[in-house]
């Protein structure tokens, strides 16, 4: 079942402890767009199908990435796209959004998504993997 936009933002707002829906939406738009540049193929399409339409469009039409970013660089890129963000606040933003994305996906899809990403993204999604 596809999560509705309002429910998605409410979950991000709660996880990120944002004082407004606008803060949750800003973080969501940036993080999903950056994620779309790093997840490809059927996994990107399957993930988009489980997210609200706004998220799906961002995921399928990502911000350009010159190279794959490791988790720390992903957080730095997020900070660069969010006005006034620091690396610490961006890490919070990334985790709030990606943990809701992980909830929308099933375990098998998340396993395949994480296989496409450099090590360490599992923690950003709130799904630590055994090493």
C-alpha atoms as a PDB file:
ATOM      1  CA  UNK A   1       0.000   0.000   0.000  1.00  0.00           C
ATOM      2  CA  UNK A   2       1.309   3.428  -0.960  1.00  0.00           C
ATOM      3  CA  UNK A   3       1.798   5.828   1.918  1.00  0.00           C
ATOM      4  CA  UNK A   4      -0.075   9.126   1.514  1.00  0.00           C
ATOM      5  CA  UNK A   5       1.883  12.405   1.341  1.00  0.00           C
ATOM      6  CA  UNK A   6       0.325  13.808   4.540  1.00  0.00           C
ATOM      7  CA  UNK A   7       1.064  10.610   6.463  1.00  0.00           C
ATOM      8  CA  UNK A   8       4.622  10.516   5.123  1.00  0.00           C
ATOM      9  CA  UNK A   9       5.269  14.119   6.180  1.00  0.00           C
ATOM     10  CA  UNK A  10       3.642  13.548   9.560  1.00  0.00           C
ATOM     11  CA  UNK A  11       5.979  10.588  10.156  1.00  0.00           C
ATOM     12  CA  UNK A  12       9.036  12.616   9.082  1.00  0.00           C
ATOM     13  CA  UNK A  13       7.914  15.527  11.256  1.00  0.00           C
ATOM     14  CA  UNK A  14       7.541  13.222  14.254  1.00  0.00           C
ATOM     15  CA  UNK A  15      10.859  11.404  13.722  1.00  0.00           C
ATOM     16  CA  UNK A  16      12.740  14.605  13.031  1.00  0.00           C
ATOM     17  CA  UNK A  17      10.961  16.429  15.848  1.00  0.00           C
ATOM     18  CA  UNK A  18      10.364  19.333  13.479  1.00  0.00           C
ATOM     19  CA  UNK A  19       8.242  22.187  14.756  1.00  0.00           C
ATOM     20  CA  UNK A  20       6.505  22.610  11.402  1.00  0.00           C
ATOM     21  CA  UNK A  21       5.331  20.619   8.422  1.00  0.00           C
ATOM     22  CA  UNK A  22       7.395  22.942   6.211  1.00  0.00           C
ATOM     23  CA  UNK A  23      10.637  21.807   7.877  1.00  0.00           C
ATOM     24  CA  UNK A  24       9.667  18.169   7.354  1.00  0.00           C
ATOM     25  CA  UNK A  25       8.757  18.842   3.725  1.00  0.00           C
ATOM     26  CA  UNK A  26      12.019  20.686   3.027  1.00  0.00           C
ATOM     27  CA  UNK A  27      14.078  17.818   4.438  1.00  0.00           C
ATOM     28  CA  UNK A  28      11.976  15.237   2.601  1.00  0.00           C
ATOM     29  CA  UNK A  29      12.326  16.895  -0.789  1.00  0.00           C
ATOM     30  CA  UNK A  30      16.107  17.262  -0.559  1.00  0.00           C
ATOM     31  CA  UNK A  31      16.849  13.808   0.859  1.00  0.00           C
ATOM     32  CA  UNK A  32      14.569  11.957  -1.572  1.00  0.00           C
ATOM     33  CA  UNK A  33      15.997  13.842  -4.553  1.00  0.00           C
ATOM     34  CA  UNK A  34      19.563  13.031  -3.478  1.00  0.00           C
ATOM     35  CA  UNK A  35      18.632   9.398  -2.836  1.00  0.00           C
ATOM     36  CA  UNK A  36      17.231   9.135  -6.356  1.00  0.00           C
ATOM     37  CA  UNK A  37      20.662   9.886  -7.777  1.00  0.00           C
ATOM     38  CA  UNK A  38      22.085   6.858  -5.963  1.00  0.00           C
ATOM     39  CA  UNK A  39      19.449   4.162  -6.344  1.00  0.00           C
ATOM     40  CA  UNK A  40      18.930   2.866  -9.871  1.00  0.00           C
ATOM     41  CA  UNK A  41      17.065   0.268 -11.871  1.00  0.00           C
ATOM     42  CA  UNK A  42      14.118  -1.718 -10.682  1.00  0.00           C
ATOM     43  CA  UNK A  43      14.891  -0.922  -7.045  1.00  0.00           C
ATOM     44  CA  UNK A  44      14.374   2.794  -7.670  1.00  0.00           C
ATOM     45  CA  UNK A  45      11.091   2.093  -9.493  1.00  0.00           C
ATOM     46  CA  UNK A  46       9.856  -0.311  -6.813  1.00  0.00           C
ATOM     47  CA  UNK A  47      10.737   2.131  -4.053  1.00  0.00           C
ATOM     48  CA  UNK A  48       9.014   4.975  -5.909  1.00  0.00           C
ATOM     49  CA  UNK A  49       5.869   2.829  -6.209  1.00  0.00           C
ATOM     50  CA  UNK A  50       5.675   2.553  -2.400  1.00  0.00           C
ATOM     51  CA  UNK A  51       6.107   6.252  -1.712  1.00  0.00           C
ATOM     52  CA  UNK A  52       3.680   9.159  -2.090  1.00  0.00           C
ATOM     53  CA  UNK A  53       3.518  10.590  -5.613  1.00  0.00           C
ATOM     54  CA  UNK A  54       5.504  13.699  -4.653  1.00  0.00           C
ATOM     55  CA  UNK A  55       8.326  11.512  -3.306  1.00  0.00           C
ATOM     56  CA  UNK A  56       8.129   9.171  -6.286  1.00  0.00           C
ATOM     57  CA  UNK A  57       8.575  12.057  -8.724  1.00  0.00           C
ATOM     58  CA  UNK A  58      11.603  13.323  -6.792  1.00  0.00           C
ATOM     59  CA  UNK A  59      13.093   9.837  -6.613  1.00  0.00           C
ATOM     60  CA  UNK A  60      12.596   9.190 -10.319  1.00  0.00           C
ATOM     61  CA  UNK A  61      13.870  12.661 -11.378  1.00  0.00           C
ATOM     62  CA  UNK A  62      16.835  13.041  -9.042  1.00  0.00           C
ATOM     63  CA  UNK A  63      19.307  15.801  -8.418  1.00  0.00           C
ATOM     64  CA  UNK A  64      22.401  15.073 -10.540  1.00  0.00           C
ATOM     65  CA  UNK A  65      25.248  13.197  -8.866  1.00  0.00           C
ATOM     66  CA  UNK A  66      28.700  13.185 -10.416  1.00  0.00           C
ATOM     67  CA  UNK A  67      29.696  10.145  -8.378  1.00  0.00           C
ATOM     68  CA  UNK A  68      28.285   7.831  -5.723  1.00  0.00           C
ATOM     69  CA  UNK A  69      28.419   9.416  -2.297  1.00  0.00           C
ATOM     70  CA  UNK A  70      29.316   7.554   0.853  1.00  0.00           C
ATOM     71  CA  UNK A  71      27.050   8.188   3.844  1.00  0.00           C
ATOM     72  CA  UNK A  72      29.085  11.098   5.230  1.00  0.00           C
ATOM     73  CA  UNK A  73      29.255  12.823   1.858  1.00  0.00           C
ATOM     74  CA  UNK A  74      25.520  12.230   1.365  1.00  0.00           C
ATOM     75  CA  UNK A  75      24.930  14.042   4.663  1.00  0.00           C
ATOM     76  CA  UNK A  76      27.253  16.884   3.579  1.00  0.00           C
ATOM     77  CA  UNK A  77      25.408  17.157   0.252  1.00  0.00           C
ATOM     78  CA  UNK A  78      22.124  17.355   2.140  1.00  0.00           C
ATOM     79  CA  UNK A  79      23.538  20.136   4.319  1.00  0.00           C
ATOM     80  CA  UNK A  80      24.591  22.012   1.188  1.00  0.00           C
ATOM     81  CA  UNK A  81      21.042  21.905  -0.225  1.00  0.00           C
ATOM     82  CA  UNK A  82      19.247  22.956   2.983  1.00  0.00           C
ATOM     83  CA  UNK A  83      19.694  26.598   3.888  1.00  0.00           C
ATOM     84  CA  UNK A  84      21.197  27.034   7.333  1.00  0.00           C
ATOM     85  CA  UNK A  85      21.875  23.325   7.809  1.00  0.00           C
ATOM     86  CA  UNK A  86      25.009  21.946   9.428  1.00  0.00           C
ATOM     87  CA  UNK A  87      26.340  18.426   9.046  1.00  0.00           C
ATOM     88  CA  UNK A  88      24.764  17.519  12.380  1.00  0.00           C
ATOM     89  CA  UNK A  89      21.323  18.858  11.475  1.00  0.00           C
ATOM     90  CA  UNK A  90      21.578  17.307   8.012  1.00  0.00           C
ATOM     91  CA  UNK A  91      22.350  13.901   9.528  1.00  0.00           C
ATOM     92  CA  UNK A  92      19.191  14.282  11.599  1.00  0.00           C
ATOM     93  CA  UNK A  93      17.243  15.276   8.459  1.00  0.00           C
ATOM     94  CA  UNK A  94      18.593  12.332   6.454  1.00  0.00           C
ATOM     95  CA  UNK A  95      17.817   9.812   9.181  1.00  0.00           C
ATOM     96  CA  UNK A  96      14.308  11.181   9.767  1.00  0.00           C
ATOM     97  CA  UNK A  97      13.430  10.912   6.074  1.00  0.00           C
ATOM     98  CA  UNK A  98      15.223   7.662   5.233  1.00  0.00           C
ATOM     99  CA  UNK A  99      13.794   5.820   8.244  1.00  0.00           C
ATOM    100  CA  UNK A 100      10.287   6.645   6.976  1.00  0.00           C
ATOM    101  CA  UNK A 101      11.312   5.510   3.476  1.00  0.00           C
ATOM    102  CA  UNK A 102      12.515   2.227   4.981  1.00  0.00           C
ATOM    103  CA  UNK A 103       9.177   1.787   6.740  1.00  0.00           C
ATOM    104  CA  UNK A 104       7.372   2.203   3.409  1.00  0.00           C
ATOM    105  CA  UNK A 105       9.525  -0.504   1.792  1.00  0.00           C
ATOM    106  CA  UNK A 106       9.595  -4.160   2.753  1.00  0.00           C
ATOM    107  CA  UNK A 107      12.731  -5.848   4.093  1.00  0.00           C
ATOM    108  CA  UNK A 108      13.617  -7.488   0.771  1.00  0.00           C
ATOM    109  CA  UNK A 109      13.439  -4.226  -1.154  1.00  0.00           C
ATOM    110  CA  UNK A 110      15.495  -2.450   1.511  1.00  0.00           C
ATOM    111  CA  UNK A 111      18.106  -5.208   1.325  1.00  0.00           C
ATOM    112  CA  UNK A 112      18.417  -4.676  -2.445  1.00  0.00           C
ATOM    113  CA  UNK A 113      18.498  -0.881  -2.103  1.00  0.00           C
ATOM    114  CA  UNK A 114      21.250  -1.095   0.510  1.00  0.00           C
ATOM    115  CA  UNK A 115      23.281  -3.388  -1.768  1.00  0.00           C
ATOM    116  CA  UNK A 116      23.415  -0.528  -4.298  1.00  0.00           C
ATOM    117  CA  UNK A 117      24.706   1.987  -1.766  1.00  0.00           C
ATOM    118  CA  UNK A 118      28.142   2.263  -0.146  1.00  0.00           C
ATOM    119  CA  UNK A 119      28.534   0.740   3.335  1.00  0.00           C
ATOM    120  CA  UNK A 120      27.051   2.763   6.159  1.00  0.00           C
ATOM    121  CA  UNK A 121      23.720   3.749   4.617  1.00  0.00           C
ATOM    122  CA  UNK A 122      21.992   1.073   6.680  1.00  0.00           C
ATOM    123  CA  UNK A 123      22.423   3.292   9.741  1.00  0.00           C
ATOM    124  CA  UNK A 124      20.951   6.317   7.932  1.00  0.00           C
ATOM    125  CA  UNK A 125      17.878   4.204   7.074  1.00  0.00           C
ATOM    126  CA  UNK A 126      17.654   3.063  10.705  1.00  0.00           C
ATOM    127  CA  UNK A 127      18.255  -0.533   9.614  1.00  0.00           C
ATOM    128  CA  UNK A 128      21.666  -1.552  10.989  1.00  0.00           C
ATOM    129  CA  UNK A 129      22.993  -4.630   9.198  1.00  0.00           C
ATOM    130  CA  UNK A 130      25.080  -7.345  10.818  1.00  0.00           C
ATOM    131  CA  UNK A 131      28.661  -7.153   9.608  1.00  0.00           C
END
